[in-house]
Amino acid sequence: MTSHLLSAVAIAAFAFAAPVLAEANTSAKAVTAGNYAIETHHTQVLFSVNHLGFTDFYGQFPGATGTLVLDPAKPAASHIDVTVPVASVDTANAKLDSELVATDWLDATKYPTMHFVSTKVTVTGAKTAKVAGDLTMHGVTKPVVFDATFEGSGVNPMSKAYTSGFRISGTIKRSDFGVTKYVPLVSDEVKLIISAAFEKTPA
């Protein structure tokens, strides 16, 4: 009897202490308009290349920062600006990471960041858009077009910050930016995914 009572008390205490997890609103029209900043710790910049025709090889760049201007009433007027620290590259292989930041590859000392700034947003669906912009990498700036998908918005139950999430994806050719090491053994095409959490900033 005593053990059952203690279990019930413990469960009740946990339920009382645990945060209430409200579901994010997945309607893009319900997003609060305003200025947003990337929540760095819950944003991932992922990439993949094909390795020797055998496998796709994956990695990420932690530490992205940036801003978003968003108004669901005027989605085409949205604007995004993202900066990615090149030296943060993480492939779960320390030797490879050190090679990728060296001069033969990304040359992180000379070109410490990748930078994307949008120039045009074209709405393609209720939650999707094409985002055109300029990508600067390895000292070269080229126009690119990414696909953007709205994931959800609402108040983060942990941080209490109003948050909107997006998935931005596309493919670039690294040779366009002067990164030609081992092409075509390691694919010229690089697939990019930015899974971004944006927190609304004070007006």
C-alpha atoms as a PDB file:
ATOM      1  CA  MET A   1       0.000   0.000   0.000  1.00  0.00           C
ATOM      2  CA  THR A   2       2.777   2.394   0.934  1.00  0.00           C
ATOM      3  CA  SER A   3       4.724   1.723  -2.296  1.00  0.00           C
ATOM      4  CA  HIS A   4       1.611   2.371  -4.393  1.00  0.00           C
ATOM      5  CA  LEU A   5       1.006   5.626  -2.552  1.00  0.00           C
ATOM      6  CA  LEU A   6       4.616   6.751  -3.048  1.00  0.00           C
ATOM      7  CA  SER A   7       4.415   5.913  -6.760  1.00  0.00           C
ATOM      8  CA  ALA A   8       1.235   7.921  -7.128  1.00  0.00           C
ATOM      9  CA  VAL A   9       2.807  10.904  -5.343  1.00  0.00           C
ATOM     10  CA  ALA A  10       5.920  10.690  -7.540  1.00  0.00           C
ATOM     11  CA  ILE A  11       3.866  10.576 -10.741  1.00  0.00           C
ATOM     12  CA  ALA A  12       1.742  13.520  -9.619  1.00  0.00           C
ATOM     13  CA  ALA A  13       4.857  15.527  -8.721  1.00  0.00           C
ATOM     14  CA  PHE A  14       6.431  14.826 -12.121  1.00  0.00           C
ATOM     15  CA  ALA A  15       3.254  15.787 -13.953  1.00  0.00           C
ATOM     16  CA  PHE A  16       3.062  19.039 -12.010  1.00  0.00           C
ATOM     17  CA  ALA A  17       6.717  19.905 -12.638  1.00  0.00           C
ATOM     18  CA  ALA A  18       6.875  18.929 -16.318  1.00  0.00           C
ATOM     19  CA  PRO A  19       6.240  21.679 -18.879  1.00  0.00           C
ATOM     20  CA  VAL A  20       3.043  21.570 -20.896  1.00  0.00           C
ATOM     21  CA  LEU A  21       4.041  20.760 -24.464  1.00  0.00           C
ATOM     22  CA  ALA A  22       1.725  22.587 -26.813  1.00  0.00           C
ATOM     23  CA  GLU A  23       1.752  21.526 -30.454  1.00  0.00           C
ATOM     24  CA  ALA A  24       3.167  23.990 -32.964  1.00  0.00           C
ATOM     25  CA  ASN A  25       0.732  25.600 -35.365  1.00  0.00           C
ATOM     26  CA  THR A  26       1.486  24.274 -38.854  1.00  0.00           C
ATOM     27  CA  SER A  27      -0.535  26.929 -40.702  1.00  0.00           C
ATOM     28  CA  ALA A  28       1.794  29.435 -42.366  1.00  0.00           C
ATOM     29  CA  LYS A  29      -0.973  32.036 -42.299  1.00  0.00           C
ATOM     30  CA  ALA A  30      -0.998  31.909 -38.496  1.00  0.00           C
ATOM     31  CA  VAL A  31       2.640  32.991 -38.093  1.00  0.00           C
ATOM     32  CA  THR A  32       3.190  36.200 -36.167  1.00  0.00           C
ATOM     33  CA  ALA A  33       4.684  38.856 -38.430  1.00  0.00           C
ATOM     34  CA  GLY A  34       7.912  40.521 -37.436  1.00  0.00           C
ATOM     35  CA  ASN A  35      11.673  40.216 -37.243  1.00  0.00           C
ATOM     36  CA  TYR A  36      13.282  36.939 -36.211  1.00  0.00           C
ATOM     37  CA  ALA A  37      16.773  35.713 -35.313  1.00  0.00           C
ATOM     38  CA  ILE A  38      18.161  32.210 -35.703  1.00  0.00           C
ATOM     39  CA  GLU A  39      18.139  30.158 -32.520  1.00  0.00           C
ATOM     40  CA  THR A  40      21.625  28.787 -33.080  1.00  0.00           C
ATOM     41  CA  HIS A  41      21.506  25.776 -30.759  1.00  0.00           C
ATOM     42  CA  HIS A  42      18.482  24.270 -32.514  1.00  0.00           C
ATOM     43  CA  THR A  43      19.457  25.102 -36.084  1.00  0.00           C
ATOM     44  CA  GLN A  44      21.394  22.667 -38.260  1.00  0.00           C
ATOM     45  CA  VAL A  45      23.176  23.243 -41.568  1.00  0.00           C
ATOM     46  CA  LEU A  46      23.626  19.806 -43.124  1.00  0.00           C
ATOM     47  CA  PHE A  47      25.423  18.757 -46.295  1.00  0.00           C
ATOM     48  CA  SER A  48      26.059  15.612 -48.295  1.00  0.00           C
ATOM     49  CA  VAL A  49      28.305  14.602 -51.187  1.00  0.00           C
ATOM     50  CA  ASN A  50      28.660  11.357 -53.062  1.00  0.00           C
ATOM     51  CA  HIS A  51      31.895   9.537 -52.230  1.00  0.00           C
ATOM     52  CA  LEU A  52      33.520   7.599 -55.111  1.00  0.00           C
ATOM     53  CA  GLY A  53      30.122   6.549 -56.431  1.00  0.00           C
ATOM     54  CA  PHE A  54      29.679   4.174 -53.492  1.00  0.00           C
ATOM     55  CA  THR A  55      27.958   6.139 -50.748  1.00  0.00           C
ATOM     56  CA  ASP A  56      26.544   9.502 -49.783  1.00  0.00           C
ATOM     57  CA  PHE A  57      28.696  11.144 -47.122  1.00  0.00           C
ATOM     58  CA  TYR A  58      27.174  13.558 -44.602  1.00  0.00           C
ATOM     59  CA  GLY A  59      28.315  16.383 -42.363  1.00  0.00           C
ATOM     60  CA  GLN A  60      27.146  19.578 -40.735  1.00  0.00           C
ATOM     61  CA  PHE A  61      28.169  23.127 -39.901  1.00  0.00           C
ATOM     62  CA  PRO A  62      27.072  24.021 -36.343  1.00  0.00           C
ATOM     63  CA  GLY A  63      26.810  27.610 -35.168  1.00  0.00           C
ATOM     64  CA  ALA A  64      24.698  29.305 -37.845  1.00  0.00           C
ATOM     65  CA  THR A  65      23.410  32.807 -37.143  1.00  0.00           C
ATOM     66  CA  GLY A  66      21.048  35.016 -39.082  1.00  0.00           C
ATOM     67  CA  THR A  67      17.804  36.897 -39.396  1.00  0.00           C
ATOM     68  CA  LEU A  68      14.387  36.557 -40.984  1.00  0.00           C
ATOM     69  CA  VAL A  69      11.795  39.202 -41.810  1.00  0.00           C
ATOM     70  CA  LEU A  70       8.398  37.588 -42.162  1.00  0.00           C
ATOM     71  CA  ASP A  71       4.804  38.686 -42.752  1.00  0.00           C
ATOM     72  CA  PRO A  72       2.256  35.952 -43.584  1.00  0.00           C
ATOM     73  CA  ALA A  73       0.089  38.575 -45.293  1.00  0.00           C
ATOM     74  CA  LYS A  74       2.981  39.380 -47.650  1.00  0.00           C
ATOM     75  CA  PRO A  75       5.083  36.203 -47.866  1.00  0.00           C
ATOM     76  CA  ALA A  76       6.792  37.295 -51.086  1.00  0.00           C
ATOM     77  CA  ALA A  77       8.304  40.220 -49.162  1.00  0.00           C
ATOM     78  CA  SER A  78      10.079  37.882 -46.728  1.00  0.00           C
ATOM     79  CA  HIS A  79      13.839  38.231 -46.364  1.00  0.00           C
ATOM     80  CA  ILE A  80      16.428  35.837 -44.956  1.00  0.00           C
ATOM     81  CA  ASP A  81      20.092  36.316 -44.123  1.00  0.00           C
ATOM     82  CA  VAL A  82      22.174  33.369 -42.839  1.00  0.00           C
ATOM     83  CA  THR A  83      25.862  33.178 -41.896  1.00  0.00           C
ATOM     84  CA  VAL A  84      27.608  29.838 -41.337  1.00  0.00           C
ATOM     85  CA  PRO A  85      31.052  29.461 -39.672  1.00  0.00           C
ATOM     86  CA  VAL A  86      33.146  27.248 -41.973  1.00  0.00           C
ATOM     87  CA  ALA A  87      35.608  26.117 -39.293  1.00  0.00           C
ATOM     88  CA  SER A  88      32.781  24.438 -37.373  1.00  0.00           C
ATOM     89  CA  VAL A  89      32.481  21.657 -39.984  1.00  0.00           C
ATOM     90  CA  ASP A  90      31.726  18.324 -38.327  1.00  0.00           C
ATOM     91  CA  THR A  91      31.775  14.987 -40.146  1.00  0.00           C
ATOM     92  CA  ALA A  92      32.370  12.847 -37.020  1.00  0.00           C
ATOM     93  CA  ASN A  93      35.896  12.328 -38.368  1.00  0.00           C
ATOM     94  CA  ALA A  94      38.501  14.666 -36.873  1.00  0.00           C
ATOM     95  CA  LYS A  95      41.091  13.964 -39.591  1.00  0.00           C
ATOM     96  CA  LEU A  96      38.631  14.742 -42.366  1.00  0.00           C
ATOM     97  CA  ASP A  97      37.407  17.870 -40.577  1.00  0.00           C
ATOM     98  CA  SER A  98      40.974  19.191 -40.434  1.00  0.00           C
ATOM     99  CA  GLU A  99      41.373  18.527 -44.174  1.00  0.00           C
ATOM    100  CA  LEU A 100      38.108  20.280 -45.064  1.00  0.00           C
ATOM    101  CA  VAL A 101      39.089  23.534 -43.327  1.00  0.00           C
ATOM    102  CA  ALA A 102      42.539  23.556 -44.955  1.00  0.00           C
ATOM    103  CA  THR A 103      43.531  25.513 -48.077  1.00  0.00           C
ATOM    104  CA  ASP A 104      42.854  22.623 -50.490  1.00  0.00           C
ATOM    105  CA  TRP A 105      39.174  22.671 -49.541  1.00  0.00           C
ATOM    106  CA  LEU A 106      37.254  25.421 -47.735  1.00  0.00           C
ATOM    107  CA  ASP A 107      40.278  27.456 -46.569  1.00  0.00           C
ATOM    108  CA  ALA A 108      38.516  28.507 -43.366  1.00  0.00           C
ATOM    109  CA  THR A 109      41.307  30.823 -42.233  1.00  0.00           C
ATOM    110  CA  LYS A 110      41.002  32.982 -45.350  1.00  0.00           C
ATOM    111  CA  TYR A 111      37.259  32.512 -45.848  1.00  0.00           C
ATOM    112  CA  PRO A 112      35.808  31.970 -42.359  1.00  0.00           C
ATOM    113  CA  THR A 113      32.113  32.069 -43.269  1.00  0.00           C
ATOM    114  CA  MET A 114      29.518  31.089 -45.821  1.00  0.00           C
ATOM    115  CA  HIS A 115      26.799  33.687 -46.291  1.00  0.00           C
ATOM    116  CA  PHE A 116      23.383  33.485 -47.923  1.00  0.00           C
ATOM    117  CA  VAL A 117      21.121  36.496 -48.403  1.00  0.00           C
ATOM    118  CA  SER A 118      17.810  36.247 -50.218  1.00  0.00           C
ATOM    119  CA  THR A 119      16.895  38.457 -53.156  1.00  0.00           C
ATOM    120  CA  LYS A 120      13.452  37.077 -54.051  1.00  0.00           C
ATOM    121  CA  VAL A 121      10.822  34.821 -52.506  1.00  0.00           C
ATOM    122  CA  THR A 122       8.277  33.121 -54.757  1.00  0.00           C
ATOM    123  CA  VAL A 123       5.379  31.378 -53.016  1.00  0.00           C
ATOM    124  CA  THR A 124       4.689  27.917 -54.489  1.00  0.00           C
ATOM    125  CA  GLY A 125       2.143  26.500 -52.034  1.00  0.00           C
ATOM    126  CA  ALA A 126       0.408  26.918 -48.687  1.00  0.00           C
ATOM    127  CA  LYS A 127       3.666  26.173 -46.847  1.00  0.00           C
ATOM    128  CA  THR A 128       6.313  26.250 -49.577  1.00  0.00           C
ATOM    129  CA  ALA A 129       8.333  28.781 -51.534  1.00  0.00           C
ATOM    130  CA  LYS A 130      11.345  29.180 -53.807  1.00  0.00           C
ATOM    131  CA  VAL A 131      13.969  31.411 -52.224  1.00  0.00           C
ATOM    132  CA  ALA A 132      16.450  32.979 -54.632  1.00  0.00           C
ATOM    133  CA  GLY A 133      19.524  34.679 -53.305  1.00  0.00           C
ATOM    134  CA  ASP A 134      23.278  35.137 -53.325  1.00  0.00           C
ATOM    135  CA  LEU A 135      25.522  32.544 -51.709  1.00  0.00           C
ATOM    136  CA  THR A 136      29.071  33.539 -50.850  1.00  0.00           C
ATOM    137  CA  MET A 137      31.522  30.715 -50.200  1.00  0.00           C
ATOM    138  CA  HIS A 138      35.284  30.432 -50.561  1.00  0.00           C
ATOM    139  CA  GLY A 139      35.420  34.068 -51.639  1.00  0.00           C
ATOM    140  CA  VAL A 140      32.990  33.582 -54.541  1.00  0.00           C
ATOM    141  CA  THR A 141      29.399  34.842 -54.746  1.00  0.00           C
ATOM    142  CA  LYS A 142      26.891  33.045 -56.971  1.00  0.00           C
ATOM    143  CA  PRO A 143      23.099  33.197 -57.372  1.00  0.00           C
ATOM    144  CA  VAL A 144      21.282  30.116 -56.055  1.00  0.00           C
ATOM    145  CA  VAL A 145      17.690  29.016 -55.527  1.00  0.00           C
ATOM    146  CA  PHE A 146      16.572  27.007 -52.513  1.00  0.00           C
ATOM    147  CA  ASP A 147      13.285  25.309 -51.640  1.00  0.00           C
ATOM    148  CA  ALA A 148      11.744  26.480 -48.364  1.00  0.00           C
ATOM    149  CA  THR A 149       9.091  24.659 -46.362  1.00  0.00           C
ATOM    150  CA  PHE A 150       7.335  26.083 -43.302  1.00  0.00           C
ATOM    151  CA  GLU A 151       7.303  23.554 -40.446  1.00  0.00           C
ATOM    152  CA  GLY A 152       5.447  25.216 -37.590  1.00  0.00           C
ATOM    153  CA  SER A 153       5.246  28.143 -35.195  1.00  0.00           C
ATOM    154  CA  GLY A 154       4.255  28.888 -31.630  1.00  0.00           C
ATOM    155  CA  VAL A 155       5.628  29.575 -28.182  1.00  0.00           C
ATOM    156  CA  ASN A 156       8.536  27.301 -27.292  1.00  0.00           C
ATOM    157  CA  PRO A 157       7.444  25.664 -24.005  1.00  0.00           C
ATOM    158  CA  MET A 158      11.032  25.535 -22.777  1.00  0.00           C
ATOM    159  CA  SER A 159      12.408  28.973 -23.649  1.00  0.00           C
ATOM    160  CA  LYS A 160       9.001  30.747 -23.825  1.00  0.00           C
ATOM    161  CA  ALA A 161      10.200  32.419 -27.025  1.00  0.00           C
ATOM    162  CA  TYR A 162       7.837  32.643 -30.000  1.00  0.00           C
ATOM    163  CA  THR A 163       9.490  30.412 -32.608  1.00  0.00           C
ATOM    164  CA  SER A 164       8.981  29.629 -36.297  1.00  0.00           C
ATOM    165  CA  GLY A 165      10.670  26.714 -38.016  1.00  0.00           C
ATOM    166  CA  PHE A 166      11.648  26.229 -41.652  1.00  0.00           C
ATOM    167  CA  ARG A 167      13.401  23.622 -43.777  1.00  0.00           C
ATOM    168  CA  ILE A 168      15.491  25.116 -46.578  1.00  0.00           C
ATOM    169  CA  SER A 169      17.137  22.795 -49.083  1.00  0.00           C
ATOM    170  CA  GLY A 170      18.897  22.798 -52.423  1.00  0.00           C
ATOM    171  CA  THR A 171      21.920  21.682 -54.414  1.00  0.00           C
ATOM    172  CA  ILE A 172      25.007  23.652 -55.381  1.00  0.00           C
ATOM    173  CA  LYS A 173      28.120  22.834 -57.396  1.00  0.00           C
ATOM    174  CA  ARG A 174      31.188  23.360 -55.251  1.00  0.00           C
ATOM    175  CA  SER A 175      33.360  23.934 -58.328  1.00  0.00           C
ATOM    176  CA  ASP A 176      31.318  27.092 -58.985  1.00  0.00           C
ATOM    177  CA  PHE A 177      32.879  28.418 -55.787  1.00  0.00           C
ATOM    178  CA  GLY A 178      36.415  27.268 -56.540  1.00  0.00           C
ATOM    179  CA  VAL A 179      36.314  24.155 -54.335  1.00  0.00           C
ATOM    180  CA  THR A 180      37.465  21.529 -56.834  1.00  0.00           C
ATOM    181  CA  LYS A 181      39.450  19.000 -54.776  1.00  0.00           C
ATOM    182  CA  TYR A 182      38.820  15.427 -56.000  1.00  0.00           C
ATOM    183  CA  VAL A 183      36.028  16.348 -58.435  1.00  0.00           C
ATOM    184  CA  PRO A 184      34.450  14.113 -59.750  1.00  0.00           C
ATOM    185  CA  LEU A 185      35.579  11.304 -57.391  1.00  0.00           C
ATOM    186  CA  VAL A 186      33.913  13.271 -54.626  1.00  0.00           C
ATOM    187  CA  SER A 187      30.814  14.728 -56.241  1.00  0.00           C
ATOM    188  CA  ASP A 188      30.761  18.276 -57.502  1.00  0.00           C
ATOM    189  CA  GLU A 189      27.123  18.501 -56.417  1.00  0.00           C
ATOM    190  CA  VAL A 190      26.601  19.241 -52.737  1.00  0.00           C
ATOM    191  CA  LYS A 191      23.163  18.852 -51.219  1.00  0.00           C
ATOM    192  CA  LEU A 192      22.369  21.379 -48.505  1.00  0.00           C
ATOM    193  CA  ILE A 193      19.669  21.397 -45.843  1.00  0.00           C
ATOM    194  CA  ILE A 194      19.133  24.189 -43.331  1.00  0.00           C
ATOM    195  CA  SER A 195      16.766  23.144 -40.570  1.00  0.00           C
ATOM    196  CA  ALA A 196      16.252  26.501 -38.933  1.00  0.00           C
ATOM    197  CA  ALA A 197      14.507  27.654 -35.782  1.00  0.00           C
ATOM    198  CA  PHE A 198      13.855  31.402 -35.724  1.00  0.00           C
ATOM    199  CA  GLU A 199      12.911  33.270 -32.543  1.00  0.00           C
ATOM    200  CA  LYS A 200      10.906  36.466 -32.786  1.00  0.00           C
ATOM    201  CA  THR A 201      12.865  39.498 -31.665  1.00  0.00           C
ATOM    202  CA  PRO A 202      11.391  42.413 -29.689  1.00  0.00           C
ATOM    203  CA  ALA A 203       9.708  45.046 -31.822  1.00  0.00           C
END
